[in-house]
Protein backbone atom coordinates (compact mmCIF):
# COMPACT_ATOMS: atom_id res chain seq x y z
CA MET A 1 6.93 17.72 -2.58
CA ASN A 2 10.17 17.86 -4.48
CA SER A 3 10.53 17.52 -8.36
CA THR A 4 10.54 13.94 -8.44
CA ASN A 5 7.82 13.64 -11.13
CA ASP A 6 9.85 15.80 -13.43
CA THR A 7 12.94 13.92 -12.83
CA TRP A 8 11.30 10.46 -13.42
CA SER A 9 9.15 11.54 -16.26
CA LEU A 10 6.35 9.04 -15.52
CA PRO A 11 3.05 10.93 -16.32
CA PHE A 12 0.85 8.83 -14.03
CA ALA A 13 3.12 9.03 -10.81
CA THR A 14 1.90 12.12 -8.50
CA GLY A 15 4.63 10.78 -6.06
CA VAL A 16 7.32 8.40 -5.59
CA ALA A 17 7.66 6.35 -2.31
CA VAL A 18 10.07 4.03 -0.97
CA GLN A 19 9.86 1.46 1.84
CA ARG A 20 13.35 0.34 3.08
CA TYR A 21 12.17 -1.07 6.52
CA LEU A 22 14.38 1.35 8.36
CA THR A 23 13.40 3.71 11.32
CA ALA A 24 11.40 6.78 10.36
CA GLU A 25 14.61 9.06 10.59
CA GLU A 26 16.78 6.57 8.60
CA GLY A 27 14.15 6.15 5.98
CA LEU A 28 13.88 9.67 5.46
CA GLU A 29 17.50 9.80 4.53
CA ALA A 30 17.01 6.86 2.39
CA ALA A 31 14.33 8.50 0.55
CA ARG A 32 16.51 11.61 -0.10
CA GLU A 33 19.20 9.66 -1.50
CA GLU A 34 16.93 7.78 -3.84
CA ARG A 35 15.28 11.24 -4.77
CA CYS A 36 11.74 10.19 -3.85
CA SER A 37 8.84 12.47 -2.81
CA HIS A 38 7.58 10.08 -0.02
CA TRP A 39 8.73 7.40 2.40
CA TYR A 40 7.28 4.80 4.45
CA VAL A 41 7.27 5.19 8.28
CA ASP A 42 6.81 1.57 9.31
CA ALA A 43 4.71 1.17 12.42
CA SER A 44 5.25 -2.65 12.10
CA LEU A 45 8.65 -1.88 13.45
CA MET A 46 9.13 -1.69 17.21
CA GLU A 47 11.22 1.42 17.05
CA ASP A 48 8.30 3.27 15.10
CA MET A 49 5.22 2.02 16.90
CA PRO A 50 3.23 4.83 18.48
CA HIS A 51 4.37 4.40 21.77
CA ASN A 52 7.73 5.13 20.97
CA TRP A 53 7.02 8.48 19.61
CA SER A 54 7.22 11.62 21.77
CA GLN A 55 5.76 14.94 20.80
CA GLU A 56 9.42 16.16 20.30
CA ARG A 57 10.18 13.28 17.89
CA SER A 58 7.27 14.07 15.80
CA ARG A 59 8.00 17.57 15.73
CA LYS A 60 11.60 17.07 14.54
CA LEU A 61 10.49 14.50 11.79
CA VAL A 62 8.07 17.10 10.46
CA GLU A 63 10.59 19.65 10.45
CA ALA A 64 13.07 17.38 8.77
CA ALA A 65 10.59 16.42 6.06
CA GLU A 66 9.55 19.82 5.35
CA GLU A 67 13.04 20.88 5.00
CA HIS A 68 13.80 18.18 2.52
CA GLY A 69 10.51 18.41 0.64
CA LEU A 70 9.43 14.89 1.67
CA SER A 71 6.07 13.43 2.96
CA PRO A 72 5.84 10.31 5.17
CA ILE A 73 3.18 7.76 4.65
CA LEU A 74 2.50 5.83 8.02
CA HIS A 75 2.51 2.09 7.22
CA GLY A 76 0.17 0.73 10.05
CA ASN A 77 0.91 -2.42 11.84
CA PHE A 78 -0.40 -5.34 9.71
CA ARG A 79 -0.51 -7.53 12.78
CA ALA A 80 -3.27 -5.63 14.45
CA PRO A 81 -6.07 -8.17 14.87
CA LEU A 82 -8.94 -6.11 13.62
CA ALA A 83 -10.79 -9.09 12.55
CA SER A 84 -10.60 -11.08 15.61
CA GLU A 85 -13.58 -13.18 16.75
CA ILE A 86 -13.18 -11.90 20.30
CA PRO A 87 -14.93 -8.49 20.85
CA GLU A 88 -12.48 -7.42 23.41
CA VAL A 89 -9.47 -8.04 21.35
CA ARG A 90 -11.31 -6.09 18.26
CA GLN A 91 -11.88 -3.13 20.80
CA ALA A 92 -8.14 -3.03 21.90
CA SER A 93 -7.22 -3.36 18.26
CA LEU A 94 -9.32 -0.36 17.45
CA GLU A 95 -7.67 1.64 20.33
CA TYR A 96 -4.16 0.83 18.96
CA VAL A 97 -5.15 1.89 15.61
CA ARG A 98 -6.49 5.29 16.97
CA SER A 99 -3.06 5.80 18.13
CA GLU A 100 -1.84 5.33 14.72
CA ILE A 101 -4.36 7.85 13.71
CA ASP A 102 -2.98 10.50 16.06
CA LEU A 103 0.63 9.57 15.01
CA ALA A 104 -0.23 10.06 11.30
CA ALA A 105 -1.83 13.49 12.15
CA ARG A 106 1.29 14.63 14.36
CA THR A 107 3.55 13.67 11.49
CA LYS A 108 1.44 15.16 8.81
CA SER A 109 1.31 11.83 6.91
CA THR A 110 0.00 11.64 3.41
CA ALA A 111 -1.99 8.63 4.56
CA LEU A 112 -2.26 5.96 7.05
CA VAL A 113 -2.11 2.40 5.64
CA ILE A 114 -4.45 -0.07 7.17
CA HIS A 115 -4.31 -3.84 6.67
CA GLY A 116 -7.14 -6.41 7.44
CA GLY A 117 -4.68 -8.33 9.62
CA ALA A 118 -5.32 -12.12 10.21
CA PHE A 119 -7.75 -14.60 11.98
CA VAL A 120 -7.25 -17.90 13.25
CA GLU A 121 -9.32 -20.79 12.12
CA PRO A 122 -8.38 -24.60 11.93
CA ARG A 123 -10.74 -25.22 9.02
CA PRO A 124 -11.38 -21.88 7.27
CA THR A 125 -14.20 -21.90 4.97
CA LYS A 126 -15.69 -19.04 2.63
CA ALA A 127 -18.00 -18.37 5.46
CA HIS A 128 -15.17 -18.03 8.04
CA ARG A 129 -13.46 -15.64 5.56
CA ASP A 130 -16.53 -13.63 4.76
CA ALA A 131 -17.26 -13.32 8.52
CA ALA A 132 -13.90 -11.98 9.36
CA LEU A 133 -13.87 -9.50 6.47
CA GLU A 134 -17.24 -8.22 7.85
CA ARG A 135 -15.77 -7.96 11.47
CA PHE A 136 -12.86 -6.06 9.80
CA THR A 137 -14.99 -3.81 7.64
CA SER A 138 -17.14 -2.68 10.62
CA LEU A 139 -14.23 -1.44 12.41
CA LEU A 140 -12.54 -0.04 9.21
CA SER A 141 -15.68 2.30 8.82
CA ILE A 142 -15.08 3.72 12.33
CA ILE A 143 -11.29 4.24 11.61
CA GLU A 144 -11.88 5.94 8.28
CA GLY A 145 -14.46 8.39 9.60
CA GLU A 146 -12.31 9.12 12.80
CA ALA A 147 -9.10 9.58 10.84
CA ALA A 148 -10.84 11.98 8.32
CA ASP A 149 -12.03 14.00 11.21
CA LYS A 150 -8.35 14.52 12.06
CA GLY A 151 -7.27 15.04 8.52
CA VAL A 152 -5.77 11.75 7.97
CA GLU A 153 -6.58 9.71 4.70
CA VAL A 154 -6.75 6.02 5.16
CA TRP A 155 -5.38 3.61 2.42
CA LEU A 156 -6.59 0.11 2.82
CA GLU A 157 -3.73 -2.41 1.57
CA ASN A 158 -4.51 -5.85 0.45
CA LEU A 159 -2.53 -8.75 1.99
CA SER A 160 -1.16 -12.01 0.37
CA TYR A 161 -3.36 -14.86 -0.23
CA TYR A 162 -2.16 -18.07 1.45
CA PRO A 163 -4.79 -20.81 1.24
CA LYS A 164 -2.66 -23.50 2.79
CA SER A 165 -1.32 -21.56 5.77
CA ARG A 166 -3.86 -23.07 8.21
CA PRO A 167 -4.97 -22.13 10.91
CA PHE A 168 -3.69 -18.69 9.95
CA SER A 169 -5.44 -16.46 7.29
CA TYR A 170 -4.91 -12.95 6.24
CA VAL A 171 -8.06 -10.70 5.85
CA PHE A 172 -8.69 -8.63 2.88
CA THR A 173 -6.91 -10.76 0.09
CA ARG A 174 -9.37 -11.37 -2.64
CA GLU A 175 -11.07 -9.49 -5.44
CA ALA A 176 -14.50 -9.88 -3.88
CA ASP A 177 -13.35 -8.35 -0.73
CA PHE A 178 -12.35 -4.92 -2.65
CA ALA A 179 -16.00 -5.00 -3.64
CA THR A 180 -17.66 -5.84 -0.32
CA VAL A 181 -15.26 -2.90 1.45
CA LEU A 182 -16.22 -0.41 -1.25
CA ASP A 183 -19.96 -1.25 -1.00
CA ALA A 184 -19.82 -0.73 2.73
CA ILE A 185 -17.43 2.39 2.79
CA PRO A 186 -17.97 4.23 -0.79
CA GLN A 187 -15.32 6.76 0.02
CA VAL A 188 -12.50 4.42 1.06
CA LYS A 189 -9.16 4.45 -0.71
CA PHE A 190 -6.97 1.52 -1.50
CA VAL A 191 -3.16 1.08 -1.91
CA LEU A 192 -2.93 -1.92 -4.29
CA ASP A 193 0.07 -4.09 -3.41
CA VAL A 194 0.61 -5.80 -6.67
CA GLY A 195 3.05 -8.05 -5.14
CA HIS A 196 0.73 -9.32 -2.60
CA ALA A 197 -1.90 -9.73 -5.36
CA ASN A 198 0.35 -12.11 -7.19
CA VAL A 199 0.79 -14.70 -4.59
CA ASN A 200 -1.24 -17.71 -5.00
CA GLN A 201 -3.53 -15.80 -7.39
CA ALA A 202 -3.43 -13.47 -10.34
CA LEU A 203 -5.30 -10.58 -8.73
CA ALA A 204 -3.35 -7.44 -9.59
CA LEU A 205 -4.57 -6.64 -13.07
CA PRO A 206 -8.22 -7.54 -12.40
CA ALA A 207 -8.17 -5.66 -9.20
CA PHE A 208 -6.70 -2.63 -10.69
CA GLU A 209 -9.10 -2.58 -13.65
CA ALA A 210 -12.00 -3.17 -11.48
CA PHE A 211 -11.38 -0.50 -8.67
CA ALA A 212 -8.91 2.07 -10.36
CA PRO A 213 -11.01 5.11 -9.40
CA SER A 214 -10.59 4.22 -5.61
CA ILE A 215 -6.85 3.19 -5.93
CA ALA A 216 -4.95 6.15 -4.29
CA ALA A 217 -1.57 4.29 -4.71
CA LEU A 218 0.26 1.24 -6.05
CA SER A 219 2.61 -0.66 -3.96
CA LEU A 220 5.22 -2.10 -6.29
CA SER A 221 7.38 -5.37 -6.14
CA ASN A 222 7.37 -8.91 -8.10
CA ASN A 223 7.64 -12.44 -7.01
CA GLU A 224 7.41 -15.89 -8.28
CA GLY A 225 3.73 -16.28 -7.36
CA ASN A 226 4.30 -18.50 -4.24
CA GLN A 227 5.46 -15.86 -1.59
CA ASP A 228 5.82 -12.06 -1.01
CA ALA A 229 9.64 -12.04 -1.98
CA HIS A 230 9.73 -8.14 -2.75
CA LEU A 231 11.81 -8.78 -5.94
CA GLY A 232 12.65 -6.25 -8.72
CA LEU A 233 9.84 -5.39 -10.97
CA GLY A 234 11.48 -7.49 -13.91
CA ASP A 235 12.24 -10.42 -11.70
CA GLY A 236 8.84 -12.34 -11.34
CA THR A 237 5.69 -13.78 -12.75
CA LEU A 238 3.73 -10.54 -12.47
CA SER A 239 3.44 -8.83 -16.03
CA VAL A 240 4.28 -5.13 -15.38
CA ARG A 241 3.70 -4.34 -18.80
CA GLU A 242 0.04 -5.45 -18.62
CA LEU A 243 -0.23 -3.07 -15.48
CA THR A 244 1.10 -0.03 -17.22
CA ASP A 245 -1.18 -0.79 -20.15
CA ALA A 246 -4.14 -0.93 -17.72
CA ILE A 247 -2.84 2.44 -16.06
CA ARG A 248 -3.07 4.13 -19.46
CA ALA A 249 -6.22 2.65 -20.43
CA LYS A 250 -7.74 3.86 -17.00
CA ASN A 251 -5.99 7.24 -17.17
CA TRP A 252 -5.09 6.63 -13.66
CA SER A 253 -2.60 8.55 -11.57
CA GLY A 254 -1.58 8.36 -7.98
CA VAL A 255 1.52 7.48 -5.73
CA ILE A 256 3.74 4.80 -6.72
CA ALA A 257 5.63 3.06 -3.59
CA PHE A 258 8.47 0.82 -4.08
CA GLU A 259 9.02 -2.24 -1.82
CA THR A 260 11.82 -4.07 -3.86
CA ARG A 261 14.37 -5.36 -1.51
CA ASN A 262 16.79 -6.30 -4.27
CA ALA A 263 16.31 -3.14 -6.47
CA SER A 264 16.76 0.44 -6.33
CA VAL A 265 14.01 2.99 -7.02
CA GLU A 266 15.91 4.26 -9.83
CA ALA A 267 15.96 0.71 -11.42
CA GLY A 268 12.13 0.29 -10.81
CA ILE A 269 11.44 3.66 -12.46
CA ASP A 270 13.56 2.73 -15.53
CA TYR A 271 11.65 -0.59 -15.82
CA LEU A 272 8.25 1.19 -15.56
CA ARG A 273 9.29 3.74 -17.95
CA ALA A 274 10.48 1.04 -20.52
CA MET A 275 7.04 -0.67 -20.22
CA TRP A 276 5.29 2.74 -20.62
CA GLU A 277 7.31 3.74 -23.75
CA ALA A 278 6.87 0.38 -25.05
CA GLU A 279 3.09 0.76 -25.38
CA THR A 280 3.56 4.23 -26.60
CA ASP A 281 5.96 2.93 -29.53
CA ALA A 282 3.37 0.14 -30.12
CA ASN A 283 0.47 2.61 -30.39
CA LEU A 284 2.50 4.73 -32.95
CA ALA A 285 3.34 1.77 -35.05
CA VAL A 286 -0.35 0.90 -35.29
CA THR A 287 -1.16 4.47 -36.09
CA ALA A 288 1.32 4.59 -38.78
CA GLY A 289 0.15 1.24 -40.13
CA VAL A 290 3.44 -0.61 -39.75
């Protein structure tokens, strides 16, 4: 890891990652330019799906990452239908994720990000959603265990909540879903995507406050609450100030990942620092009796 933490002066950030939706090699260069410690290798992109990785390509990426003091985070394919009602499809999805685990191990990734995927139901009810989550969780337990055996940490990422997008529904979107998964897999780690958590619900803050000890990373962006727009941190309806206040209250530390398409990592860090220091200044004022 490089000296990112000293450079950015954010006491809660153990690492700074960026997602620029580039191929792995291009993403590494972008992360260098933005002075990050980590970057996303996106297995949702065709070029970076596991079948497009030779041993030689993996080796070269590891060498380049180590040369520049960077660490990849393998962002698994969110389209994998791990919650499908069809057993054969779930089994095929599990085999696919196993290939992502192998890739994460070969590339010495800090973590493999897993998603709940989606299910298809013309008239989804709470019972349908709960059943889909149960199917997903049963596979996640296998995935987490097999990944751990290969030295890969799994981070489970929440997806956006779109209640009116029938017949398609994402899996693992609600606060109760975090609790359900944690009950089933106590050692599981989360990457809380605060942008996703702000779509059609105000979940970012309550999820963080409830599950902070199990949150390994925060994926940061903002939006207007109706779609996952990946806006800069000051450009949407999510209160970043409330989030930084909660980070301080919980004494949380972890990786922060920027998925802001219209803003640089530096701009995001500056915004976070301003929110963090605003709370510090407010506390000093209270202490001084102002």
